Amino acid sequence: MNIEQFIKLTDAYGAIIKHWPEIYQQQAQEVIALNLPEVNEALKQARLLDEMFSSHTLAPVERTLFDSIVASAPKADNPLVKPSFWQQWNIKSWLGVSGFIGTGLAGAVAGAFFVSIWTSGLLPDGIDGVSESSGTMAQYVDVGQEWS
């Protein structure tokens, strides 16, 4: 371990070598034994920081803060009372189901409308939508047109 590595580890783990990872402790002891000014200065700075951290105490928490947090928390439902079927369905469920039902109804109405026109005789007899000679419909449905 060189001096730069020792200083970085001192900044990271502090001046107490026992708090360092075990793989660095033996090497750190060897660097300290060299008694170099840079190493001594790094240890001095780390000790000051360690003392500052260890002297810090937390202020006691006021009971009113705890009580206000508990009072503002949402109330839990009684687990013994089962909600009814209608209470279990929320608005998102209703929107999804109503959209599905609405789409189905719209398709059914459109299909019924088409079948009623088709079978009412309002369309000319020659229109079946398949043959090329279907009169007016042939200009829109040209099966024989080549696209190559």
Protein backbone atom coordinates (compact mmCIF):
# COMPACT_ATOMS: atom_id res chain seq x y z
CA MET A 1 0.00 0.00 0.00
CA ASN A 2 1.39 3.38 -0.93
CA ILE A 3 0.80 6.69 0.86
CA GLU A 4 -1.94 7.89 -1.54
CA GLN A 5 -3.92 4.69 -1.02
CA PHE A 6 -3.51 5.02 2.75
CA ILE A 7 -4.80 8.60 2.70
CA LYS A 8 -7.82 7.60 0.59
CA LEU A 9 -8.63 4.73 2.95
CA THR A 10 -8.23 7.03 5.94
CA ASP A 11 -10.70 9.45 4.38
CA ALA A 12 -13.10 6.59 3.73
CA TYR A 13 -12.84 4.57 6.98
CA GLY A 14 -11.46 6.96 9.57
CA ALA A 15 -8.45 6.87 11.92
CA ILE A 16 -9.33 3.66 13.79
CA ILE A 17 -7.65 0.90 11.79
CA LYS A 18 -9.85 -1.79 13.42
CA HIS A 19 -12.82 -0.29 11.55
CA TRP A 20 -11.16 -0.79 8.19
CA PRO A 21 -11.72 -3.91 6.06
CA GLU A 22 -9.48 -6.74 7.24
CA ILE A 23 -7.57 -6.96 3.97
CA TYR A 24 -6.17 -3.42 4.53
CA GLN A 25 -5.50 -3.50 8.29
CA GLN A 26 -2.08 -5.20 8.19
CA GLN A 27 -0.85 -3.01 5.34
CA ALA A 28 -2.11 0.12 7.13
CA GLN A 29 -0.18 -0.83 10.28
CA GLU A 30 2.97 -1.17 8.19
CA VAL A 31 2.45 2.30 6.63
CA ILE A 32 1.84 3.84 10.09
CA ALA A 33 5.07 2.24 11.33
CA LEU A 34 7.00 4.26 8.72
CA ASN A 35 6.09 7.44 10.70
CA LEU A 36 5.82 9.66 7.62
CA PRO A 37 4.51 13.25 8.00
CA GLU A 38 1.80 12.76 5.33
CA VAL A 39 0.52 9.65 7.08
CA ASN A 40 0.51 11.36 10.49
CA GLU A 41 -1.37 14.36 9.08
CA ALA A 42 -4.00 12.11 7.44
CA LEU A 43 -4.50 10.25 10.74
CA LYS A 44 -4.76 13.55 12.63
CA GLN A 45 -7.44 14.87 10.25
CA ALA A 46 -9.34 11.58 10.40
CA ARG A 47 -9.25 11.62 14.23
CA LEU A 48 -10.72 15.13 14.29
CA LEU A 49 -13.51 14.05 11.99
CA ASP A 50 -14.12 10.86 14.02
CA GLU A 51 -14.36 12.91 17.23
CA MET A 52 -16.78 15.32 15.59
CA PHE A 53 -19.02 12.46 14.43
CA SER A 54 -18.89 10.65 17.76
CA SER A 55 -19.76 13.79 19.74
CA HIS A 56 -22.94 14.39 17.73
CA THR A 57 -26.13 13.43 19.49
CA LEU A 58 -29.63 13.29 18.10
CA ALA A 59 -32.29 15.49 19.58
CA PRO A 60 -35.13 13.55 21.16
CA VAL A 61 -38.19 13.24 18.99
CA GLU A 62 -41.24 15.04 20.27
CA ARG A 63 -44.24 12.85 21.01
CA THR A 64 -46.55 15.29 19.26
CA LEU A 65 -44.77 14.65 15.95
CA PHE A 66 -45.32 10.91 16.33
CA ASP A 67 -48.96 11.43 17.29
CA SER A 68 -49.62 13.71 14.32
CA ILE A 69 -48.08 11.21 11.90
CA VAL A 70 -50.18 8.38 13.30
CA ALA A 71 -53.32 10.53 13.27
CA SER A 72 -52.81 11.48 9.60
CA ALA A 73 -52.31 7.88 8.46
CA PRO A 74 -55.21 6.34 6.56
CA LYS A 75 -57.44 4.17 8.68
CA ALA A 76 -57.32 0.44 8.01
CA ASP A 77 -60.57 -1.25 7.14
CA ASN A 78 -61.93 -3.91 9.45
CA PRO A 79 -60.58 -7.19 8.01
CA LEU A 80 -63.53 -9.11 9.45
CA VAL A 81 -66.09 -7.20 7.38
CA LYS A 82 -66.05 -8.22 3.73
CA PRO A 83 -66.88 -5.46 1.23
CA SER A 84 -69.90 -6.05 -0.96
CA PHE A 85 -69.59 -6.88 -4.63
CA TRP A 86 -70.32 -3.29 -5.63
CA GLN A 87 -67.74 -1.87 -3.22
CA GLN A 88 -65.00 -4.06 -4.66
CA TRP A 89 -65.42 -2.65 -8.16
CA ASN A 90 -63.71 0.68 -8.57
CA ILE A 91 -64.09 3.20 -11.39
CA LYS A 92 -61.23 1.73 -13.44
CA SER A 93 -62.93 -1.64 -13.50
CA TRP A 94 -66.21 -0.06 -14.57
CA LEU A 95 -64.55 1.91 -17.36
CA GLY A 96 -62.89 -1.20 -18.74
CA VAL A 97 -66.07 -3.26 -18.64
CA SER A 98 -68.24 -0.45 -20.03
CA GLY A 99 -65.81 0.09 -22.91
CA PHE A 100 -65.94 -3.60 -23.79
CA ILE A 101 -69.73 -3.67 -23.60
CA GLY A 102 -70.05 -0.43 -25.58
CA THR A 103 -67.80 -1.73 -28.35
CA GLY A 104 -69.82 -4.93 -28.53
CA LEU A 105 -73.10 -3.04 -28.70
CA ALA A 106 -71.79 -0.70 -31.41
CA GLY A 107 -70.73 -3.70 -33.49
CA ALA A 108 -74.08 -5.38 -32.99
CA VAL A 109 -75.97 -2.23 -34.03
CA ALA A 110 -73.78 -1.74 -37.11
CA GLY A 111 -74.23 -5.39 -38.08
CA ALA A 112 -77.98 -5.23 -37.61
CA PHE A 113 -78.14 -2.05 -39.68
CA PHE A 114 -76.14 -3.63 -42.51
CA VAL A 115 -78.25 -6.81 -42.48
CA SER A 116 -81.48 -4.81 -42.48
CA ILE A 117 -80.36 -2.79 -45.52
CA TRP A 118 -79.07 -5.89 -47.30
CA THR A 119 -82.27 -7.82 -46.81
CA SER A 120 -84.69 -4.90 -47.30
CA GLY A 121 -84.23 -4.75 -51.04
CA LEU A 122 -82.83 -1.22 -51.16
CA LEU A 123 -79.68 -2.45 -52.88
CA PRO A 124 -79.87 -3.38 -56.57
CA ASP A 125 -80.22 -7.08 -57.30
CA GLY A 126 -76.96 -7.36 -59.25
CA ILE A 127 -74.72 -6.21 -56.40
CA ASP A 128 -73.09 -9.01 -54.48
CA GLY A 129 -69.68 -7.42 -54.01
CA VAL A 130 -67.82 -10.35 -55.56
CA SER A 131 -68.29 -10.44 -59.32
CA GLU A 132 -66.73 -7.93 -61.70
CA SER A 133 -70.01 -7.12 -63.34
CA SER A 134 -71.75 -5.87 -60.26
CA GLY A 135 -72.82 -2.57 -61.73
CA THR A 136 -71.98 0.47 -59.64
CA MET A 137 -70.07 -1.58 -57.10
CA ALA A 138 -67.66 -2.85 -59.77
CA GLN A 139 -65.97 0.52 -60.08
CA TYR A 140 -64.87 0.29 -56.44
CA VAL A 141 -64.19 -3.43 -56.21
CA ASP A 142 -62.12 -4.44 -59.21
CA VAL A 143 -60.90 -7.94 -58.50
CA GLY A 144 -59.29 -8.40 -61.90
CA GLN A 145 -57.01 -5.38 -61.86
CA GLU A 146 -53.34 -6.24 -62.15
CA TRP A 147 -50.91 -4.50 -59.80
CA SER A 148 -47.58 -5.66 -61.19
